[in-house]
């Protein structure tokens, strides 16, 4: 039987074989994150707590 760590390593190895990094997608996400953070700092968007997010889906 595999330990928890061994199971995680196996899952990670399996996912790596089907989900290859894509530089274009990573660049798009980096831009999105920067834009969202800038909007937050400008006060254009507000944050919510984890409890607020979870309550929405309960």
PDB file of N, CA and C in Angstrom:
ATOM      1  N   UNK A   1       0.849  -1.183   0.000  1.00  0.00           N
ATOM      2  CA  UNK A   1       0.000   0.000   0.000  1.00  0.00           C
ATOM      3  C   UNK A   1       0.890   1.240   0.000  1.00  0.00           C
ATOM      4  N   UNK A   2       0.502   2.229  -0.768  1.00  0.00           N
ATOM      5  CA  UNK A   2       1.276   3.465  -0.868  1.00  0.00           C
ATOM      6  C   UNK A   2       0.968   4.416   0.288  1.00  0.00           C
ATOM      7  N   UNK A   3       1.994   5.140   0.708  1.00  0.00           N
ATOM      8  CA  UNK A   3       1.779   6.182   1.717  1.00  0.00           C
ATOM      9  C   UNK A   3       1.085   7.371   1.049  1.00  0.00           C
ATOM     10  N   UNK A   4       0.623   8.293   1.848  1.00  0.00           N
ATOM     11  CA  UNK A   4      -0.033   9.484   1.311  1.00  0.00           C
ATOM     12  C   UNK A   4       0.925  10.239   0.393  1.00  0.00           C
ATOM     13  N   UNK A   5       2.157  10.397   0.827  1.00  0.00           N
ATOM     14  CA  UNK A   5       3.149  11.121   0.015  1.00  0.00           C
ATOM     15  C   UNK A   5       3.379  10.395  -1.309  1.00  0.00           C
ATOM     16  N   UNK A   6       3.486   9.083  -1.259  1.00  0.00           N
ATOM     17  CA  UNK A   6       3.691   8.309  -2.482  1.00  0.00           C
ATOM     18  C   UNK A   6       2.491   8.439  -3.424  1.00  0.00           C
ATOM     19  N   UNK A   7       1.292   8.468  -2.860  1.00  0.00           N
ATOM     20  CA  UNK A   7       0.088   8.647  -3.686  1.00  0.00           C
ATOM     21  C   UNK A   7       0.104  10.010  -4.371  1.00  0.00           C
ATOM     22  N   UNK A   8       0.471  11.039  -3.622  1.00  0.00           N
ATOM     23  CA  UNK A   8       0.532  12.392  -4.186  1.00  0.00           C
ATOM     24  C   UNK A   8       1.571  12.452  -5.295  1.00  0.00           C
ATOM     25  N   UNK A   9       2.728  11.844  -5.059  1.00  0.00           N
ATOM     26  CA  UNK A   9       3.781  11.833  -6.081  1.00  0.00           C
ATOM     27  C   UNK A   9       3.323  11.099  -7.330  1.00  0.00           C
ATOM     28  N   UNK A  10       2.609   9.992  -7.154  1.00  0.00           N
ATOM     29  CA  UNK A  10       2.092   9.233  -8.292  1.00  0.00           C
ATOM     30  C   UNK A  10       1.072  10.053  -9.072  1.00  0.00           C
ATOM     31  N   UNK A  11       0.154  10.678  -8.371  1.00  0.00           N
ATOM     32  CA  UNK A  11      -0.856  11.526  -9.028  1.00  0.00           C
ATOM     33  C   UNK A  11      -0.181  12.657  -9.787  1.00  0.00           C
ATOM     34  N   UNK A  12       0.801  13.293  -9.163  1.00  0.00           N
ATOM     35  CA  UNK A  12       1.528  14.386  -9.809  1.00  0.00           C
ATOM     36  C   UNK A  12       2.223  13.897 -11.074  1.00  0.00           C
ATOM     37  N   UNK A  13       2.850  12.726 -10.999  1.00  0.00           N
ATOM     38  CA  UNK A  13       3.527  12.165 -12.170  1.00  0.00           C
ATOM     39  C   UNK A  13       2.539  11.851 -13.287  1.00  0.00           C
ATOM     40  N   UNK A  14       1.385  11.293 -12.932  1.00  0.00           N
ATOM     41  CA  UNK A  14       0.368  10.989 -13.941  1.00  0.00           C
ATOM     42  C   UNK A  14      -0.176  12.254 -14.591  1.00  0.00           C
ATOM     43  N   UNK A  15      -0.466  13.259 -13.777  1.00  0.00           N
ATOM     44  CA  UNK A  15      -0.976  14.516 -14.332  1.00  0.00           C
ATOM     45  C   UNK A  15       0.044  15.174 -15.254  1.00  0.00           C
ATOM     46  N   UNK A  16       1.311  15.065 -14.919  1.00  0.00           N
ATOM     47  CA  UNK A  16       2.365  15.666 -15.750  1.00  0.00           C
ATOM     48  C   UNK A  16       2.407  15.049 -17.139  1.00  0.00           C
ATOM     49  N   UNK A  17       1.937  13.821 -17.274  1.00  0.00           N
ATOM     50  CA  UNK A  17       1.966  13.173 -18.591  1.00  0.00           C
ATOM     51  C   UNK A  17       0.825  13.634 -19.484  1.00  0.00           C
ATOM     52  N   UNK A  18      -0.233  14.215 -18.909  1.00  0.00           N
ATOM     53  CA  UNK A  18      -1.381  14.628 -19.718  1.00  0.00           C
ATOM     54  C   UNK A  18      -1.591  16.133 -19.732  1.00  0.00           C
ATOM     55  N   UNK A  19      -0.948  16.840 -18.844  1.00  0.00           N
ATOM     56  CA  UNK A  19      -1.156  18.282 -18.732  1.00  0.00           C
ATOM     57  C   UNK A  19       0.189  18.997 -18.861  1.00  0.00           C
ATOM     58  N   UNK A  20       0.597  19.209 -20.092  1.00  0.00           N
ATOM     59  CA  UNK A  20       1.885  19.848 -20.347  1.00  0.00           C
ATOM     60  C   UNK A  20       1.767  21.363 -20.187  1.00  0.00           C
ATOM     61  N   UNK A  21       2.791  21.992 -19.620  1.00  0.00           N
ATOM     62  CA  UNK A  21       2.786  23.452 -19.507  1.00  0.00           C
ATOM     63  C   UNK A  21       2.669  24.113 -20.884  1.00  0.00           C
ATOM     64  N   UNK A  22       1.994  25.223 -20.928  1.00  0.00           N
ATOM     65  CA  UNK A  22       1.828  25.985 -22.163  1.00  0.00           C
ATOM     66  C   UNK A  22       2.238  27.424 -21.870  1.00  0.00           C
ATOM     67  N   UNK A  23       3.343  27.848 -22.448  1.00  0.00           N
ATOM     68  CA  UNK A  23       3.892  29.182 -22.176  1.00  0.00           C
ATOM     69  C   UNK A  23       2.897  30.288 -22.521  1.00  0.00           C
ATOM     70  N   UNK A  24       2.131  30.113 -23.589  1.00  0.00           N
ATOM     71  CA  UNK A  24       1.152  31.137 -23.975  1.00  0.00           C
ATOM     72  C   UNK A  24       0.043  31.255 -22.925  1.00  0.00           C
ATOM     73  N   UNK A  25      -0.454  30.140 -22.466  1.00  0.00           N
ATOM     74  CA  UNK A  25      -1.506  30.156 -21.451  1.00  0.00           C
ATOM     75  C   UNK A  25      -0.956  30.742 -20.147  1.00  0.00           C
ATOM     76  N   UNK A  26       0.251  30.342 -19.768  1.00  0.00           N
ATOM     77  CA  UNK A  26       0.864  30.878 -18.554  1.00  0.00           C
ATOM     78  C   UNK A  26       1.032  32.393 -18.650  1.00  0.00           C
ATOM     79  N   UNK A  27       1.427  32.891 -19.807  1.00  0.00           N
ATOM     80  CA  UNK A  27       1.598  34.337 -19.997  1.00  0.00           C
ATOM     81  C   UNK A  27       0.259  35.058 -19.892  1.00  0.00           C
ATOM     82  N   UNK A  28      -0.790  34.473 -20.461  1.00  0.00           N
ATOM     83  CA  UNK A  28      -2.119  35.077 -20.369  1.00  0.00           C
ATOM     84  C   UNK A  28      -2.590  35.146 -18.921  1.00  0.00           C
ATOM     85  N   UNK A  29      -2.366  34.061 -18.162  1.00  0.00           N
ATOM     86  CA  UNK A  29      -2.763  34.062 -16.763  1.00  0.00           C
ATOM     87  C   UNK A  29      -1.953  35.069 -15.959  1.00  0.00           C
ATOM     88  N   UNK A  30      -0.674  35.201 -16.260  1.00  0.00           N
ATOM     89  CA  UNK A  30       0.167  36.172 -15.551  1.00  0.00           C
ATOM     90  C   UNK A  30      -0.360  37.580 -15.781  1.00  0.00           C
ATOM     91  N   UNK A  31      -0.743  37.892 -17.011  1.00  0.00           N
ATOM     92  CA  UNK A  31      -1.309  39.203 -17.333  1.00  0.00           C
ATOM     93  C   UNK A  31      -2.624  39.411 -16.592  1.00  0.00           C
ATOM     94  N   UNK A  32      -3.459  38.382 -16.572  1.00  0.00           N
ATOM     95  CA  UNK A  32      -4.747  38.470 -15.877  1.00  0.00           C
ATOM     96  C   UNK A  32      -4.542  38.744 -14.387  1.00  0.00           C
ATOM     97  N   UNK A  33      -3.612  38.042 -13.784  1.00  0.00           N
ATOM     98  CA  UNK A  33      -3.332  38.231 -12.361  1.00  0.00           C
ATOM     99  C   UNK A  33      -2.839  39.650 -12.097  1.00  0.00           C
ATOM    100  N   UNK A  34      -1.940  40.133 -12.920  1.00  0.00           N
ATOM    101  CA  UNK A  34      -1.425  41.494 -12.751  1.00  0.00           C
ATOM    102  C   UNK A  34      -2.537  42.526 -12.897  1.00  0.00           C
ATOM    103  N   UNK A  35      -3.408  42.330 -13.881  1.00  0.00           N
ATOM    104  CA  UNK A  35      -4.531  43.256 -14.088  1.00  0.00           C
ATOM    105  C   UNK A  35      -5.492  43.251 -12.897  1.00  0.00           C
ATOM    106  N   UNK A  36      -5.784  42.062 -12.386  1.00  0.00           N
ATOM    107  CA  UNK A  36      -6.695  41.973 -11.240  1.00  0.00           C
ATOM    108  C   UNK A  36      -6.089  42.606  -9.999  1.00  0.00           C
ATOM    109  N   UNK A  37      -4.793  42.377  -9.779  1.00  0.00           N
ATOM    110  CA  UNK A  37      -4.130  42.958  -8.616  1.00  0.00           C
ATOM    111  C   UNK A  37      -4.087  44.479  -8.725  1.00  0.00           C
ATOM    112  N   UNK A  38      -3.810  44.985  -9.906  1.00  0.00           N
ATOM    113  CA  UNK A  38      -3.798  46.436 -10.108  1.00  0.00           C
ATOM    114  C   UNK A  38      -5.178  47.028  -9.850  1.00  0.00           C
ATOM    115  N   UNK A  39      -6.222  46.359 -10.325  1.00  0.00           N
ATOM    116  CA  UNK A  39      -7.589  46.836 -10.103  1.00  0.00           C
ATOM    117  C   UNK A  39      -7.916  46.831  -8.613  1.00  0.00           C
ATOM    118  N   UNK A  40      -7.460  45.830  -7.896  1.00  0.00           N
ATOM    119  CA  UNK A  40      -7.691  45.764  -6.451  1.00  0.00           C
ATOM    120  C   UNK A  40      -7.002  46.939  -5.756  1.00  0.00           C
ATOM    121  N   UNK A  41      -5.739  47.179  -6.118  1.00  0.00           N
ATOM    122  CA  UNK A  41      -4.990  48.276  -5.493  1.00  0.00           C
ATOM    123  C   UNK A  41      -5.593  49.650  -5.813  1.00  0.00           C
ATOM    124  N   UNK A  42      -6.235  49.784  -6.962  1.00  0.00           N
ATOM    125  CA  UNK A  42      -6.882  51.040  -7.340  1.00  0.00           C
ATOM    126  C   UNK A  42      -8.262  51.181  -6.700  1.00  0.00           C
ATOM    127  N   UNK A  43      -8.729  50.145  -6.024  1.00  0.00           N
ATOM    128  CA  UNK A  43     -10.054  50.183  -5.410  1.00  0.00           C
ATOM    129  C   UNK A  43     -11.180  49.904  -6.382  1.00  0.00           C
ATOM    130  N   UNK A  44     -10.853  49.383  -7.549  1.00  0.00           N
ATOM    131  CA  UNK A  44     -11.867  49.100  -8.568  1.00  0.00           C
ATOM    132  C   UNK A  44     -12.619  47.800  -8.286  1.00  0.00           C
ATOM    133  N   UNK A  45     -12.016  46.918  -7.529  1.00  0.00           N
ATOM    134  CA  UNK A  45     -12.654  45.667  -7.126  1.00  0.00           C
ATOM    135  C   UNK A  45     -12.373  45.443  -5.645  1.00  0.00           C
ATOM    136  N   UNK A  46     -13.243  44.683  -5.012  1.00  0.00           N
ATOM    137  CA  UNK A  46     -13.065  44.393  -3.600  1.00  0.00           C
ATOM    138  C   UNK A  46     -12.818  42.902  -3.417  1.00  0.00           C
ATOM    139  N   UNK A  47     -12.184  42.582  -2.313  1.00  0.00           N
ATOM    140  CA  UNK A  47     -11.965  41.178  -2.008  1.00  0.00           C
ATOM    141  C   UNK A  47     -13.109  40.666  -1.130  1.00  0.00           C
ATOM    142  N   UNK A  48     -13.242  39.364  -1.080  1.00  0.00           N
ATOM    143  CA  UNK A  48     -14.207  38.720  -0.198  1.00  0.00           C
ATOM    144  C   UNK A  48     -13.468  37.649   0.591  1.00  0.00           C
ATOM    145  N   UNK A  49     -14.015  37.308   1.734  1.00  0.00           N
ATOM    146  CA  UNK A  49     -13.386  36.288   2.559  1.00  0.00           C
ATOM    147  C   UNK A  49     -13.700  34.899   2.009  1.00  0.00           C
ATOM    148  N   UNK A  50     -12.901  33.941   2.431  1.00  0.00           N
ATOM    149  CA  UNK A  50     -13.160  32.556   2.041  1.00  0.00           C
ATOM    150  C   UNK A  50     -14.541  32.117   2.517  1.00  0.00           C
ATOM    151  N   UNK A  51     -14.928  32.519   3.712  1.00  0.00           N
ATOM    152  CA  UNK A  51     -16.246  32.149   4.238  1.00  0.00           C
ATOM    153  C   UNK A  51     -17.365  32.686   3.362  1.00  0.00           C
ATOM    154  N   UNK A  52     -17.203  33.884   2.818  1.00  0.00           N
ATOM    155  CA  UNK A  52     -18.223  34.454   1.931  1.00  0.00           C
ATOM    156  C   UNK A  52     -18.334  33.632   0.644  1.00  0.00           C
ATOM    157  N   UNK A  53     -17.216  33.236   0.117  1.00  0.00           N
ATOM    158  CA  UNK A  53     -17.223  32.422  -1.113  1.00  0.00           C
ATOM    159  C   UNK A  53     -17.888  31.084  -0.839  1.00  0.00           C
ATOM    160  N   UNK A  54     -17.486  30.423   0.245  1.00  0.00           N
ATOM    161  CA  UNK A  54     -18.056  29.113   0.560  1.00  0.00           C
ATOM    162  C   UNK A  54     -19.538  29.197   0.859  1.00  0.00           C
ATOM    163  N   UNK A  55     -19.971  30.253   1.523  1.00  0.00           N
ATOM    164  CA  UNK A  55     -21.386  30.413   1.842  1.00  0.00           C
ATOM    165  C   UNK A  55     -22.235  30.498   0.574  1.00  0.00           C
ATOM    166  N   UNK A  56     -21.677  31.072  -0.459  1.00  0.00           N
ATOM    167  CA  UNK A  56     -22.396  31.198  -1.734  1.00  0.00           C
ATOM    168  C   UNK A  56     -22.744  29.827  -2.322  1.00  0.00           C
ATOM    169  N   UNK A  57     -21.921  28.840  -2.052  1.00  0.00           N
ATOM    170  CA  UNK A  57     -22.100  27.516  -2.663  1.00  0.00           C
ATOM    171  C   UNK A  57     -22.650  26.465  -1.712  1.00  0.00           C
ATOM    172  N   UNK A  58     -23.041  26.876  -0.538  1.00  0.00           N
ATOM    173  CA  UNK A  58     -23.624  25.913   0.422  1.00  0.00           C
ATOM    174  C   UNK A  58     -25.098  25.759   0.186  1.00  0.00           C
TER     175      UNK A  58
END
